[in-house]
Amino acid sequence: MTLSFKETYTQKILKGEKTMTRRLRKPPVKPNKTYPLRIGNRCLPGEIKIKEIYCQRLGDMKNEDLIKEGFTKFEDFKKDWIEIYRFWDENTNVWVVEFEYLPKE
């Protein structure tokens, strides 16, 4: 198993600009393990190493989290979240996954 990301995140992940993701369900990954980098239905060269997984209220997101998510404006993150999940509720508990991209050597 691994995490799957939207195509629009590819360059941000490869450049190390996106190192965090939030999900409604607990993803099937474990800290300190590596997984294929999956964009949509395809795997890209390299892997992601999971650093940490924890639960957090969506509304408790900090500015540093926003940057790790690959965004500079909160409104852009919120718009993207609504596009994916079709709703926004600050009281929703989500799973936060911090990861590191490991390029293929």
C-alpha atoms as a PDB file:
ATOM      1  CA  MET A   1       0.000   0.000   0.000  1.00  0.00           C
ATOM      2  CA  THR A   2       0.962   3.634  -0.323  1.00  0.00           C
ATOM      3  CA  LEU A   3      -0.501   7.124  -0.552  1.00  0.00           C
ATOM      4  CA  SER A   4      -1.839   8.397  -3.837  1.00  0.00           C
ATOM      5  CA  PHE A   5      -1.491  12.062  -4.758  1.00  0.00           C
ATOM      6  CA  LYS A   6      -3.144  14.320  -7.328  1.00  0.00           C
ATOM      7  CA  GLU A   7      -1.212  14.976 -10.535  1.00  0.00           C
ATOM      8  CA  THR A   8      -1.028  18.687  -9.663  1.00  0.00           C
ATOM      9  CA  TYR A   9       1.140  17.857  -6.624  1.00  0.00           C
ATOM     10  CA  THR A  10       3.824  15.989  -8.586  1.00  0.00           C
ATOM     11  CA  GLN A  11       6.337  18.816  -9.024  1.00  0.00           C
ATOM     12  CA  LYS A  12       5.853  20.074  -5.468  1.00  0.00           C
ATOM     13  CA  ILE A  13       6.617  16.602  -4.088  1.00  0.00           C
ATOM     14  CA  LEU A  14       9.626  16.079  -6.372  1.00  0.00           C
ATOM     15  CA  LYS A  15      11.041  19.492  -5.380  1.00  0.00           C
ATOM     16  CA  GLY A  16      10.457  18.873  -1.662  1.00  0.00           C
ATOM     17  CA  GLU A  17       7.872  21.659  -1.468  1.00  0.00           C
ATOM     18  CA  LYS A  18       5.092  19.297  -0.353  1.00  0.00           C
ATOM     19  CA  THR A  19       6.063  17.146   2.623  1.00  0.00           C
ATOM     20  CA  MET A  20       2.697  16.799   4.361  1.00  0.00           C
ATOM     21  CA  THR A  21      -0.771  15.598   3.461  1.00  0.00           C
ATOM     22  CA  ARG A  22      -4.086  15.396   5.265  1.00  0.00           C
ATOM     23  CA  ARG A  23      -6.579  12.579   4.783  1.00  0.00           C
ATOM     24  CA  LEU A  24     -10.069  11.807   6.115  1.00  0.00           C
ATOM     25  CA  ARG A  25      -9.208   8.163   6.734  1.00  0.00           C
ATOM     26  CA  LYS A  26      -6.123   6.735   8.378  1.00  0.00           C
ATOM     27  CA  PRO A  27      -3.810   5.807   5.512  1.00  0.00           C
ATOM     28  CA  PRO A  28      -2.321   2.305   5.316  1.00  0.00           C
ATOM     29  CA  VAL A  29       1.256   3.492   5.905  1.00  0.00           C
ATOM     30  CA  LYS A  30       3.586   3.397   8.914  1.00  0.00           C
ATOM     31  CA  PRO A  31       6.234   5.788  10.210  1.00  0.00           C
ATOM     32  CA  ASN A  32       9.842   5.067   9.203  1.00  0.00           C
ATOM     33  CA  LYS A  33       8.723   2.914   6.259  1.00  0.00           C
ATOM     34  CA  THR A  34       9.199   3.728   2.578  1.00  0.00           C
ATOM     35  CA  TYR A  35       6.539   3.406  -0.100  1.00  0.00           C
ATOM     36  CA  PRO A  36       6.270   3.975  -3.854  1.00  0.00           C
ATOM     37  CA  LEU A  37       5.423   7.513  -4.927  1.00  0.00           C
ATOM     38  CA  ARG A  38       2.018   7.125  -6.522  1.00  0.00           C
ATOM     39  CA  ILE A  39       0.410   9.858  -8.601  1.00  0.00           C
ATOM     40  CA  GLY A  40      -3.100   8.837  -9.534  1.00  0.00           C
ATOM     41  CA  ASN A  41      -2.829   5.253 -10.839  1.00  0.00           C
ATOM     42  CA  ARG A  42       0.872   5.311 -11.680  1.00  0.00           C
ATOM     43  CA  CYS A  43       4.063   5.070  -9.653  1.00  0.00           C
ATOM     44  CA  LEU A  44       6.898   7.510 -10.252  1.00  0.00           C
ATOM     45  CA  PRO A  45      10.600   6.823  -9.730  1.00  0.00           C
ATOM     46  CA  GLY A  46      11.666   7.275  -6.143  1.00  0.00           C
ATOM     47  CA  GLU A  47       9.833   6.661  -2.906  1.00  0.00           C
ATOM     48  CA  ILE A  48       8.338   8.503   0.014  1.00  0.00           C
ATOM     49  CA  LYS A  49       9.466   7.844   3.560  1.00  0.00           C
ATOM     50  CA  ILE A  50       6.791   8.349   6.190  1.00  0.00           C
ATOM     51  CA  LYS A  51       8.099  10.445   9.053  1.00  0.00           C
ATOM     52  CA  GLU A  52       5.009  10.814  11.235  1.00  0.00           C
ATOM     53  CA  ILE A  53       1.265  10.146  11.299  1.00  0.00           C
ATOM     54  CA  TYR A  54      -1.128  11.796  13.720  1.00  0.00           C
ATOM     55  CA  CYS A  55      -4.715  12.919  14.079  1.00  0.00           C
ATOM     56  CA  GLN A  56      -5.572  16.628  14.142  1.00  0.00           C
ATOM     57  CA  ARG A  57      -8.620  18.834  13.860  1.00  0.00           C
ATOM     58  CA  LEU A  58      -8.698  20.413  10.397  1.00  0.00           C
ATOM     59  CA  GLY A  59      -9.129  23.855  11.957  1.00  0.00           C
ATOM     60  CA  ASP A  60      -5.944  23.458  14.025  1.00  0.00           C
ATOM     61  CA  MET A  61      -3.725  23.682  10.969  1.00  0.00           C
ATOM     62  CA  LYS A  62      -0.837  26.136  11.458  1.00  0.00           C
ATOM     63  CA  ASN A  63       0.909  28.335   8.896  1.00  0.00           C
ATOM     64  CA  GLU A  64       3.962  26.027   8.925  1.00  0.00           C
ATOM     65  CA  ASP A  65       1.620  23.120   8.105  1.00  0.00           C
ATOM     66  CA  LEU A  66       0.217  25.099   5.181  1.00  0.00           C
ATOM     67  CA  ILE A  67       3.738  25.490   3.759  1.00  0.00           C
ATOM     68  CA  LYS A  68       4.482  21.775   4.257  1.00  0.00           C
ATOM     69  CA  GLU A  69       1.244  21.053   2.381  1.00  0.00           C
ATOM     70  CA  GLY A  70       2.725  22.987  -0.547  1.00  0.00           C
ATOM     71  CA  PHE A  71       0.550  26.099  -0.278  1.00  0.00           C
ATOM     72  CA  THR A  72       1.242  29.752   0.481  1.00  0.00           C
ATOM     73  CA  LYS A  73      -2.371  30.849   1.010  1.00  0.00           C
ATOM     74  CA  PHE A  74      -4.860  29.192   3.322  1.00  0.00           C
ATOM     75  CA  GLU A  75      -7.683  29.976   0.891  1.00  0.00           C
ATOM     76  CA  ASP A  76      -5.917  27.917  -1.805  1.00  0.00           C
ATOM     77  CA  PHE A  77      -5.557  24.927   0.531  1.00  0.00           C
ATOM     78  CA  LYS A  78      -9.207  25.175   1.568  1.00  0.00           C
ATOM     79  CA  LYS A  79     -10.348  25.394  -2.068  1.00  0.00           C
ATOM     80  CA  ASP A  80      -8.256  22.326  -2.944  1.00  0.00           C
ATOM     81  CA  TRP A  81      -9.632  20.410   0.064  1.00  0.00           C
ATOM     82  CA  ILE A  82     -13.218  21.177  -0.983  1.00  0.00           C
ATOM     83  CA  GLU A  83     -12.426  20.097  -4.557  1.00  0.00           C
ATOM     84  CA  ILE A  84     -11.232  16.716  -3.257  1.00  0.00           C
ATOM     85  CA  TYR A  85     -13.641  16.055  -0.357  1.00  0.00           C
ATOM     86  CA  ARG A  86     -16.639  18.251  -1.305  1.00  0.00           C
ATOM     87  CA  PHE A  87     -16.910  19.931   2.109  1.00  0.00           C
ATOM     88  CA  TRP A  88     -15.062  22.017   4.693  1.00  0.00           C
ATOM     89  CA  ASP A  89     -15.609  21.698   8.426  1.00  0.00           C
ATOM     90  CA  GLU A  90     -12.916  22.962  10.799  1.00  0.00           C
ATOM     91  CA  ASN A  91     -14.087  20.488  13.461  1.00  0.00           C
ATOM     92  CA  THR A  92     -13.385  17.444  11.270  1.00  0.00           C
ATOM     93  CA  ASN A  93     -10.608  15.229  12.590  1.00  0.00           C
ATOM     94  CA  VAL A  94      -8.149  14.316   9.841  1.00  0.00           C
ATOM     95  CA  TRP A  95      -5.013  12.202   9.579  1.00  0.00           C
ATOM     96  CA  VAL A  96      -1.834  14.173   9.001  1.00  0.00           C
ATOM     97  CA  VAL A  97       1.035  12.386   7.278  1.00  0.00           C
ATOM     98  CA  GLU A  98       4.488  13.938   7.163  1.00  0.00           C
ATOM     99  CA  PHE A  99       6.780  12.425   4.555  1.00  0.00           C
ATOM    100  CA  GLU A 100      10.044  12.884   2.716  1.00  0.00           C
ATOM    101  CA  TYR A 101      10.612  12.259  -0.991  1.00  0.00           C
ATOM    102  CA  LEU A 102      13.547   9.968  -1.691  1.00  0.00           C
ATOM    103  CA  PRO A 103      14.641  10.264  -5.329  1.00  0.00           C
ATOM    104  CA  LYS A 104      15.654   7.120  -7.177  1.00  0.00           C
ATOM    105  CA  GLU A 105      19.427   6.783  -7.169  1.00  0.00           C
END
